Amino acid sequence: MSTARPAGQIEIAGKTVSRLGFGTMRLTGPGTWGDPIDRDTALSVLRQAVHTHGITHIDTADAYGPHTVENLIREALYPYPDDVLIATKVGMLRPAPNVWAPHGHPAYLRACVEASLRRLGVERLDLCYLHRIDPEVALTDQLAVLKALQDEGKIAHIGLSKVTPEDIRLAGKEVTVAAVQNVLNMSDRHDPALELCRDRGIPYVPYRPLDAGALAREHGILAPLHWLLSLGDHVAPIPSTSRPQHLHQIVAAVTGKP
């Protein structure tokens, strides 16, 4: 097992983890739906991320599949090493392939958390993001149930995904925001939440750092990841892939090791 942390280290949700994380969205079938085409390869990618490459920040969501990737993570990595952070997200319905619908009813969010606990095989989620703010439900109500679950010991830390600075400010009055996950890459360069997170000491986790592979094809892997890492020590990108060789290339790009 690698003892080096790719791209250095950062503290997220009370754990010191690798700044280079691993996003698991691609470990499903087409349309982020159902099982991966090659289940054994998906399991291998997860194991290699942690045990070969030293990545200790694994990001997932109950909506990936739905439910597929949380089950894969447990099969591949349980019992989880103490230094590994498993972050998941709740609050998104999946009616069909490629279809995503925010759903923030408190009873649904509670049911999602309880189900994620069972699928991941843990008594407490290290980091649980509100996957999307449901515009049909008061944000305070959505956060209140996550805070209640935190008080019950079922969530250790609460994060936000796809949010504005105003969302972060409002949420910060209700909960301690442990991390913010927004899209940011060389094609989509501007997010005012980046600076707010820096000012507030909140880890900023950019998803789609390679713009679904488009930036890697245009610029290679090195430039897009180094651009993100240069934006501040609070930035911790989570590139995703379903291929072991591509994972190796991603890690090599930030470590300089072939």
C-alpha atoms as a PDB file:
ATOM      1  CA  MET A   1       0.000   0.000   0.000  1.00  0.00           C
ATOM      2  CA  SER A   2       1.274   3.478  -0.881  1.00  0.00           C
ATOM      3  CA  THR A   3       1.990   5.674   2.150  1.00  0.00           C
ATOM      4  CA  ALA A   4       2.266   8.884   0.104  1.00  0.00           C
ATOM      5  CA  ARG A   5      -0.806  11.071  -0.271  1.00  0.00           C
ATOM      6  CA  PRO A   6      -1.234  12.164  -3.899  1.00  0.00           C
ATOM      7  CA  ALA A   7      -1.050  15.971  -4.272  1.00  0.00           C
ATOM      8  CA  GLY A   8      -0.280  16.338  -0.574  1.00  0.00           C
ATOM      9  CA  GLN A   9      -2.829  16.373   2.191  1.00  0.00           C
ATOM     10  CA  ILE A  10      -5.822  18.310   3.457  1.00  0.00           C
ATOM     11  CA  GLU A  11      -8.118  18.036   6.447  1.00  0.00           C
ATOM     12  CA  ILE A  12     -11.717  17.256   5.488  1.00  0.00           C
ATOM     13  CA  ALA A  13     -14.399  16.260   7.974  1.00  0.00           C
ATOM     14  CA  GLY A  14     -11.894  15.731  10.749  1.00  0.00           C
ATOM     15  CA  LYS A  15      -9.574  13.476   8.771  1.00  0.00           C
ATOM     16  CA  THR A  16      -6.251  14.276   7.123  1.00  0.00           C
ATOM     17  CA  VAL A  17      -6.621  12.878   3.609  1.00  0.00           C
ATOM     18  CA  SER A  18      -5.011  13.087   0.196  1.00  0.00           C
ATOM     19  CA  ARG A  19      -5.773  16.322  -1.682  1.00  0.00           C
ATOM     20  CA  LEU A  20      -6.392  14.184  -4.738  1.00  0.00           C
ATOM     21  CA  GLY A  21      -9.588  12.313  -4.087  1.00  0.00           C
ATOM     22  CA  PHE A  22     -11.458   9.800  -6.176  1.00  0.00           C
ATOM     23  CA  GLY A  23     -14.952  10.385  -7.508  1.00  0.00           C
ATOM     24  CA  THR A  24     -16.946   7.222  -8.076  1.00  0.00           C
ATOM     25  CA  MET A  25     -19.711   8.416 -10.382  1.00  0.00           C
ATOM     26  CA  ARG A  26     -18.321   6.493 -13.358  1.00  0.00           C
ATOM     27  CA  LEU A  27     -18.462   3.136 -11.578  1.00  0.00           C
ATOM     28  CA  THR A  28     -21.985   2.418 -12.823  1.00  0.00           C
ATOM     29  CA  GLY A  29     -23.662   1.507 -16.079  1.00  0.00           C
ATOM     30  CA  PRO A  30     -24.382   4.091 -18.814  1.00  0.00           C
ATOM     31  CA  GLY A  31     -26.414   7.061 -17.655  1.00  0.00           C
ATOM     32  CA  THR A  32     -25.058   6.616 -14.098  1.00  0.00           C
ATOM     33  CA  TRP A  33     -27.566   3.780 -13.966  1.00  0.00           C
ATOM     34  CA  GLY A  34     -27.333   0.211 -12.757  1.00  0.00           C
ATOM     35  CA  ASP A  35     -24.292  -1.992 -12.444  1.00  0.00           C
ATOM     36  CA  PRO A  36     -20.988  -1.330 -14.208  1.00  0.00           C
ATOM     37  CA  ILE A  37     -20.327  -3.271 -17.383  1.00  0.00           C
ATOM     38  CA  ASP A  38     -17.348  -4.926 -15.679  1.00  0.00           C
ATOM     39  CA  ARG A  39     -17.964  -5.301 -11.954  1.00  0.00           C
ATOM     40  CA  ASP A  40     -14.574  -6.843 -11.224  1.00  0.00           C
ATOM     41  CA  THR A  41     -12.798  -3.902 -12.839  1.00  0.00           C
ATOM     42  CA  ALA A  42     -14.895  -1.437 -10.840  1.00  0.00           C
ATOM     43  CA  LEU A  43     -13.928  -3.197  -7.622  1.00  0.00           C
ATOM     44  CA  SER A  44     -10.286  -3.234  -8.713  1.00  0.00           C
ATOM     45  CA  VAL A  45     -10.295   0.510  -9.410  1.00  0.00           C
ATOM     46  CA  LEU A  46     -11.573   1.218  -5.907  1.00  0.00           C
ATOM     47  CA  ARG A  47      -8.987  -1.058  -4.311  1.00  0.00           C
ATOM     48  CA  GLN A  48      -6.165   0.384  -6.401  1.00  0.00           C
ATOM     49  CA  ALA A  49      -7.197   3.952  -5.567  1.00  0.00           C
ATOM     50  CA  VAL A  50      -6.766   3.274  -1.850  1.00  0.00           C
ATOM     51  CA  HIS A  51      -4.289   0.426  -1.529  1.00  0.00           C
ATOM     52  CA  THR A  52      -1.991   1.101  -4.508  1.00  0.00           C
ATOM     53  CA  HIS A  53      -2.157   4.856  -5.023  1.00  0.00           C
ATOM     54  CA  GLY A  54      -2.759   6.074  -1.472  1.00  0.00           C
ATOM     55  CA  ILE A  55      -5.952   8.027  -2.183  1.00  0.00           C
ATOM     56  CA  THR A  56      -7.800   8.411   1.112  1.00  0.00           C
ATOM     57  CA  HIS A  57     -10.760  10.569   0.049  1.00  0.00           C
ATOM     58  CA  ILE A  58     -13.470   8.547  -1.708  1.00  0.00           C
ATOM     59  CA  ASP A  59     -16.542  10.438  -2.874  1.00  0.00           C
ATOM     60  CA  THR A  60     -19.845   8.786  -3.757  1.00  0.00           C
ATOM     61  CA  ALA A  61     -23.632   9.269  -3.593  1.00  0.00           C
ATOM     62  CA  ASP A  62     -26.675   7.118  -3.018  1.00  0.00           C
ATOM     63  CA  ALA A  63     -27.903   8.337  -6.437  1.00  0.00           C
ATOM     64  CA  TYR A  64     -25.033   6.679  -8.324  1.00  0.00           C
ATOM     65  CA  GLY A  65     -26.806   3.667  -9.761  1.00  0.00           C
ATOM     66  CA  PRO A  66     -28.845   4.447  -7.690  1.00  0.00           C
ATOM     67  CA  HIS A  67     -27.266   2.637  -4.720  1.00  0.00           C
ATOM     68  CA  THR A  68     -24.798   0.727  -6.930  1.00  0.00           C
ATOM     69  CA  VAL A  69     -21.591   2.453  -5.937  1.00  0.00           C
ATOM     70  CA  GLU A  70     -22.159   2.458  -2.193  1.00  0.00           C
ATOM     71  CA  ASN A  71     -22.508  -1.320  -2.423  1.00  0.00           C
ATOM     72  CA  LEU A  72     -19.345  -1.564  -4.533  1.00  0.00           C
ATOM     73  CA  ILE A  73     -17.399   0.523  -2.034  1.00  0.00           C
ATOM     74  CA  ARG A  74     -18.361  -1.780   0.807  1.00  0.00           C
ATOM     75  CA  GLU A  75     -17.477  -4.878  -1.213  1.00  0.00           C
ATOM     76  CA  ALA A  76     -14.127  -3.443  -2.286  1.00  0.00           C
ATOM     77  CA  LEU A  77     -12.914  -1.638   0.811  1.00  0.00           C
ATOM     78  CA  TYR A  78     -14.705  -2.830   3.949  1.00  0.00           C
ATOM     79  CA  PRO A  79     -13.440  -2.821   6.654  1.00  0.00           C
ATOM     80  CA  TYR A  80     -12.324   0.699   5.819  1.00  0.00           C
ATOM     81  CA  PRO A  81      -8.819   1.803   6.794  1.00  0.00           C
ATOM     82  CA  ASP A  82      -8.903   4.357   9.599  1.00  0.00           C
ATOM     83  CA  ASP A  83      -7.391   7.086   7.434  1.00  0.00           C
ATOM     84  CA  VAL A  84      -9.909   6.726   4.582  1.00  0.00           C
ATOM     85  CA  LEU A  85     -12.770   9.219   4.325  1.00  0.00           C
ATOM     86  CA  ILE A  86     -15.912   7.887   2.656  1.00  0.00           C
ATOM     87  CA  ALA A  87     -18.110  10.836   1.679  1.00  0.00           C
ATOM     88  CA  THR A  88     -21.593  10.263   0.325  1.00  0.00           C
ATOM     89  CA  LYS A  89     -24.502  12.440  -0.769  1.00  0.00           C
ATOM     90  CA  VAL A  90     -28.269  12.229  -0.233  1.00  0.00           C
ATOM     91  CA  GLY A  91     -31.304  14.084  -1.524  1.00  0.00           C
ATOM     92  CA  MET A  92     -31.521  13.125  -5.198  1.00  0.00           C
ATOM     93  CA  LEU A  93     -34.144  10.946  -6.837  1.00  0.00           C
ATOM     94  CA  ARG A  94     -33.238   8.879  -9.914  1.00  0.00           C
ATOM     95  CA  PRO A  95     -36.371   8.228 -11.995  1.00  0.00           C
ATOM     96  CA  ALA A  96     -34.409   6.942 -15.013  1.00  0.00           C
ATOM     97  CA  PRO A  97     -30.939   6.859 -16.618  1.00  0.00           C
ATOM     98  CA  ASN A  98     -29.466  10.359 -16.912  1.00  0.00           C
ATOM     99  CA  VAL A  99     -32.423  11.815 -14.992  1.00  0.00           C
ATOM    100  CA  TRP A 100     -31.785  13.570 -11.665  1.00  0.00           C
ATOM    101  CA  ALA A 101     -34.422  15.182  -9.430  1.00  0.00           C
ATOM    102  CA  PRO A 102     -33.657  16.929  -6.121  1.00  0.00           C
ATOM    103  CA  HIS A 103     -35.883  15.716  -3.287  1.00  0.00           C
ATOM    104  CA  GLY A 104     -35.327  17.273   0.098  1.00  0.00           C
ATOM    105  CA  HIS A 105     -38.362  16.209   2.102  1.00  0.00           C
ATOM    106  CA  PRO A 106     -37.036  15.587   5.623  1.00  0.00           C
ATOM    107  CA  ALA A 107     -38.498  12.074   5.835  1.00  0.00           C
ATOM    108  CA  TYR A 108     -36.853  11.167   2.538  1.00  0.00           C
ATOM    109  CA  LEU A 109     -33.468  12.557   3.619  1.00  0.00           C
ATOM    110  CA  ARG A 110     -33.643  10.568   6.843  1.00  0.00           C
ATOM    111  CA  ALA A 111     -34.531   7.403   4.920  1.00  0.00           C
ATOM    112  CA  CYS A 112     -31.595   8.034   2.542  1.00  0.00           C
ATOM    113  CA  VAL A 113     -29.123   8.347   5.386  1.00  0.00           C
ATOM    114  CA  GLU A 114     -30.385   5.211   7.095  1.00  0.00           C
ATOM    115  CA  ALA A 115     -30.097   3.282   3.819  1.00  0.00           C
ATOM    116  CA  SER A 116     -26.583   4.593   3.115  1.00  0.00           C
ATOM    117  CA  LEU A 117     -25.490   3.484   6.571  1.00  0.00           C
ATOM    118  CA  ARG A 118     -26.648  -0.049   5.784  1.00  0.00           C
ATOM    119  CA  ARG A 119     -25.152  -0.185   2.301  1.00  0.00           C
ATOM    120  CA  LEU A 120     -21.776   1.136   3.451  1.00  0.00           C
ATOM    121  CA  GLY A 121     -21.834  -1.053   6.548  1.00  0.00           C
ATOM    122  CA  VAL A 122     -21.143   1.741   9.032  1.00  0.00           C
ATOM    123  CA  GLU A 123     -22.845   3.210  12.081  1.00  0.00           C
ATOM    124  CA  ARG A 124     -21.963   6.788  11.126  1.00  0.00           C
ATOM    125  CA  LEU A 125     -21.338   8.518   7.795  1.00  0.00           C
ATOM    126  CA  ASP A 126     -17.981  10.320   7.816  1.00  0.00           C
ATOM    127  CA  LEU A 127     -19.282  13.121   5.601  1.00  0.00           C
ATOM    128  CA  CYS A 128     -22.803  13.443   4.221  1.00  0.00           C
ATOM    129  CA  TYR A 129     -23.552  16.090   1.605  1.00  0.00           C
ATOM    130  CA  LEU A 130     -26.950  17.458   0.742  1.00  0.00           C
ATOM    131  CA  HIS A 131     -26.664  16.434  -2.917  1.00  0.00           C
ATOM    132  CA  ARG A 132     -28.846  19.312  -4.116  1.00  0.00           C
ATOM    133  CA  ILE A 133     -30.979  21.893  -2.386  1.00  0.00           C
ATOM    134  CA  ASP A 134     -34.594  21.097  -3.194  1.00  0.00           C
ATOM    135  CA  PRO A 135     -36.231  24.430  -4.135  1.00  0.00           C
ATOM    136  CA  GLU A 136     -39.624  23.059  -3.060  1.00  0.00           C
ATOM    137  CA  VAL A 137     -38.532  22.551   0.558  1.00  0.00           C
ATOM    138  CA  ALA A 138     -37.163  25.178   2.923  1.00  0.00           C
ATOM    139  CA  LEU A 139     -33.394  24.857   3.206  1.00  0.00           C
ATOM    140  CA  THR A 140     -33.696  25.124   6.979  1.00  0.00           C
ATOM    141  CA  ASP A 141     -35.935  22.037   6.994  1.00  0.00           C
ATOM    142  CA  GLN A 142     -33.490  20.072   4.854  1.00  0.00           C
ATOM    143  CA  LEU A 143     -30.582  21.003   7.085  1.00  0.00           C
ATOM    144  CA  ALA A 144     -32.560  20.431  10.280  1.00  0.00           C
ATOM    145  CA  VAL A 145     -32.996  16.723   9.585  1.00  0.00           C
ATOM    146  CA  LEU A 146     -29.300  16.323   8.716  1.00  0.00           C
ATOM    147  CA  LYS A 147     -28.412  18.159  11.932  1.00  0.00           C
ATOM    148  CA  ALA A 148     -30.759  15.880  13.883  1.00  0.00           C
ATOM    149  CA  LEU A 149     -29.055  12.842  12.357  1.00  0.00           C
ATOM    150  CA  GLN A 150     -25.706  14.360  13.263  1.00  0.00           C
ATOM    151  CA  ASP A 151     -26.862  14.831  16.847  1.00  0.00           C
ATOM    152  CA  GLU A 152     -27.978  11.181  16.856  1.00  0.00           C
ATOM    153  CA  GLY A 153     -24.475  10.115  15.833  1.00  0.00           C
ATOM    154  CA  LYS A 154     -25.445   8.895  12.368  1.00  0.00           C
ATOM    155  CA  ILE A 155     -23.631  11.672  10.474  1.00  0.00           C
ATOM    156  CA  ALA A 156     -20.235  12.962  11.567  1.00  0.00           C
ATOM    157  CA  HIS A 157     -20.030  15.997   9.260  1.00  0.00           C
ATOM    158  CA  ILE A 158     -22.410  17.780   6.861  1.00  0.00           C
ATOM    159  CA  GLY A 159     -21.481  19.117   3.421  1.00  0.00           C
ATOM    160  CA  LEU A 160     -23.203  21.007   0.604  1.00  0.00           C
ATOM    161  CA  SER A 161     -23.151  20.344  -3.141  1.00  0.00           C
ATOM    162  CA  LYS A 162     -23.861  22.678  -6.074  1.00  0.00           C
ATOM    163  CA  VAL A 163     -24.435  25.756  -3.959  1.00  0.00           C
ATOM    164  CA  THR A 164     -24.001  29.515  -4.168  1.00  0.00           C
ATOM    165  CA  PRO A 165     -22.205  31.729  -1.649  1.00  0.00           C
ATOM    166  CA  GLU A 166     -25.600  32.798  -0.312  1.00  0.00           C
ATOM    167  CA  ASP A 167     -26.561  29.146   0.183  1.00  0.00           C
ATOM    168  CA  ILE A 168     -23.365  28.597   2.152  1.00  0.00           C
ATOM    169  CA  ARG A 169     -23.979  31.653   4.315  1.00  0.00           C
ATOM    170  CA  LEU A 170     -27.547  30.592   5.068  1.00  0.00           C
ATOM    171  CA  ALA A 171     -26.535  27.004   5.792  1.00  0.00           C
ATOM    172  CA  GLY A 172     -23.748  28.192   8.060  1.00  0.00           C
ATOM    173  CA  LYS A 173     -26.359  29.649  10.401  1.00  0.00           C
ATOM    174  CA  GLU A 174     -27.889  26.187  10.853  1.00  0.00           C
ATOM    175  CA  VAL A 175     -24.966  23.737  10.670  1.00  0.00           C
ATOM    176  CA  THR A 176     -21.198  23.636  10.485  1.00  0.00           C
ATOM    177  CA  VAL A 177     -20.455  23.252   6.774  1.00  0.00           C
ATOM    178  CA  ALA A 178     -17.622  20.716   6.582  1.00  0.00           C
ATOM    179  CA  ALA A 179     -17.089  20.843   2.791  1.00  0.00           C
ATOM    180  CA  VAL A 180     -18.532  22.336  -0.378  1.00  0.00           C
ATOM    181  CA  GLN A 181     -18.654  20.375  -3.621  1.00  0.00           C
ATOM    182  CA  ASN A 182     -19.205  22.411  -6.804  1.00  0.00           C
ATOM    183  CA  VAL A 183     -18.253  22.027 -10.448  1.00  0.00           C
ATOM    184  CA  LEU A 184     -15.017  23.812 -11.321  1.00  0.00           C
ATOM    185  CA  ASN A 185     -12.562  23.149 -14.128  1.00  0.00           C
ATOM    186  CA  MET A 186     -10.636  24.894 -16.907  1.00  0.00           C
ATOM    187  CA  SER A 187     -13.785  25.054 -19.027  1.00  0.00           C
ATOM    188  CA  ASP A 188     -15.986  26.299 -16.181  1.00  0.00           C
ATOM    189  CA  ARG A 189     -13.521  28.506 -14.337  1.00  0.00           C
ATOM    190  CA  HIS A 190     -15.573  30.832 -12.194  1.00  0.00           C
ATOM    191  CA  ASP A 191     -17.289  29.942  -8.948  1.00  0.00           C
ATOM    192  CA  PRO A 192     -17.667  32.676  -6.322  1.00  0.00           C
ATOM    193  CA  ALA A 193     -18.028  29.956  -3.685  1.00  0.00           C
ATOM    194  CA  LEU A 194     -14.321  29.171  -4.091  1.00  0.00           C
ATOM    195  CA  GLU A 195     -13.219  32.394  -2.430  1.00  0.00           C
ATOM    196  CA  LEU A 196     -15.888  32.248   0.261  1.00  0.00           C
ATOM    197  CA  CYS A 197     -14.767  28.751   1.192  1.00  0.00           C
ATOM    198  CA  ARG A 198     -11.169  29.946   1.404  1.00  0.00           C
ATOM    199  CA  ASP A 199     -12.202  32.813   3.684  1.00  0.00           C
ATOM    200  CA  ARG A 200     -14.246  30.514   5.911  1.00  0.00           C
ATOM    201  CA  GLY A 201     -11.731  27.661   6.022  1.00  0.00           C
ATOM    202  CA  ILE A 202     -14.093  25.256   4.263  1.00  0.00           C
ATOM    203  CA  PRO A 203     -12.567  22.555   2.028  1.00  0.00           C
ATOM    204  CA  TYR A 204     -13.668  23.063  -1.584  1.00  0.00           C
ATOM    205  CA  VAL A 205     -14.137  19.834  -3.549  1.00  0.00           C
ATOM    206  CA  PRO A 206     -14.405  20.465  -7.317  1.00  0.00           C
ATOM    207  CA  TYR A 207     -16.248  17.766  -9.204  1.00  0.00           C
ATOM    208  CA  ARG A 208     -15.883  17.255 -12.972  1.00  0.00           C
ATOM    209  CA  PRO A 209     -12.263  18.491 -12.691  1.00  0.00           C
ATOM    210  CA  LEU A 210     -11.471  17.039 -16.133  1.00  0.00           C
ATOM    211  CA  ASP A 211     -14.911  17.989 -17.566  1.00  0.00           C
ATOM    212  CA  ALA A 212     -15.888  14.355 -18.123  1.00  0.00           C
ATOM    213  CA  GLY A 213     -12.579  13.718 -19.903  1.00  0.00           C
ATOM    214  CA  ALA A 214     -12.874  16.555 -22.414  1.00  0.00           C
ATOM    215  CA  LEU A 215     -10.065  18.561 -20.798  1.00  0.00           C
ATOM    216  CA  ALA A 216      -7.794  15.523 -20.601  1.00  0.00           C
ATOM    217  CA  ARG A 217      -8.230  14.988 -24.337  1.00  0.00           C
ATOM    218  CA  GLU A 218      -7.532  18.637 -25.087  1.00  0.00           C
ATOM    219  CA  HIS A 219      -4.821  19.501 -22.552  1.00  0.00           C
ATOM    220  CA  GLY A 220      -3.702  16.198 -21.031  1.00  0.00           C
ATOM    221  CA  ILE A 221      -4.359  15.335 -17.406  1.00  0.00           C
ATOM    222  CA  LEU A 222      -1.571  17.369 -15.805  1.00  0.00           C
ATOM    223  CA  ALA A 223      -2.647  20.909 -16.739  1.00  0.00           C
ATOM    224  CA  PRO A 224      -6.292  20.746 -15.581  1.00  0.00           C
ATOM    225  CA  LEU A 225      -5.435  19.184 -12.218  1.00  0.00           C
ATOM    226  CA  HIS A 226      -2.486  21.480 -11.545  1.00  0.00           C
ATOM    227  CA  TRP A 227      -4.647  24.481 -12.402  1.00  0.00           C
ATOM    228  CA  LEU A 228      -7.178  23.415  -9.775  1.00  0.00           C
ATOM    229  CA  LEU A 229      -4.564  22.630  -7.143  1.00  0.00           C
ATOM    230  CA  SER A 230      -2.984  26.061  -7.707  1.00  0.00           C
ATOM    231  CA  LEU A 231      -6.205  27.835  -6.699  1.00  0.00           C
ATOM    232  CA  GLY A 232      -5.615  27.294  -3.006  1.00  0.00           C
ATOM    233  CA  ASP A 233      -4.661  24.773  -0.366  1.00  0.00           C
ATOM    234  CA  HIS A 234      -8.360  24.313   0.413  1.00  0.00           C
ATOM    235  CA  VAL A 235      -9.038  22.785  -3.034  1.00  0.00           C
ATOM    236  CA  ALA A 236      -9.315  18.976  -3.249  1.00  0.00           C
ATOM    237  CA  PRO A 237     -10.399  17.686  -6.693  1.00  0.00           C
ATOM    238  CA  ILE A 238     -12.146  14.335  -7.154  1.00  0.00           C
ATOM    239  CA  PRO A 239     -11.543  13.060 -10.711  1.00  0.00           C
ATOM    240  CA  SER A 240     -13.464   9.945 -11.665  1.00  0.00           C
ATOM    241  CA  THR A 241     -12.669   7.030 -13.925  1.00  0.00           C
ATOM    242  CA  SER A 242     -13.692   3.424 -14.434  1.00  0.00           C
ATOM    243  CA  ARG A 243     -10.331   2.305 -15.877  1.00  0.00           C
ATOM    244  CA  PRO A 244      -7.261   1.302 -13.832  1.00  0.00           C
ATOM    245  CA  GLN A 245      -4.833   2.682 -16.418  1.00  0.00           C
ATOM    246  CA  HIS A 246      -6.582   6.050 -16.425  1.00  0.00           C
ATOM    247  CA  LEU A 247      -6.487   6.120 -12.623  1.00  0.00           C
ATOM    248  CA  HIS A 248      -2.745   5.477 -12.776  1.00  0.00           C
ATOM    249  CA  GLN A 249      -2.323   8.369 -15.224  1.00  0.00           C
ATOM    250  CA  ILE A 250      -4.301  10.720 -12.986  1.00  0.00           C
ATOM    251  CA  VAL A 251      -2.181   9.901  -9.955  1.00  0.00           C
ATOM    252  CA  ALA A 252       1.041  10.127 -11.974  1.00  0.00           C
ATOM    253  CA  ALA A 253       0.030  13.589 -13.178  1.00  0.00           C
ATOM    254  CA  VAL A 254      -0.080  15.012  -9.646  1.00  0.00           C
ATOM    255  CA  THR A 255       2.803  13.034  -8.170  1.00  0.00           C
ATOM    256  CA  GLY A 256       5.246  13.233 -11.074  1.00  0.00           C
ATOM    257  CA  LYS A 257       5.879   9.505 -10.771  1.00  0.00           C
ATOM    258  CA  PRO A 258       5.423   7.298 -13.850  1.00  0.00           C
END
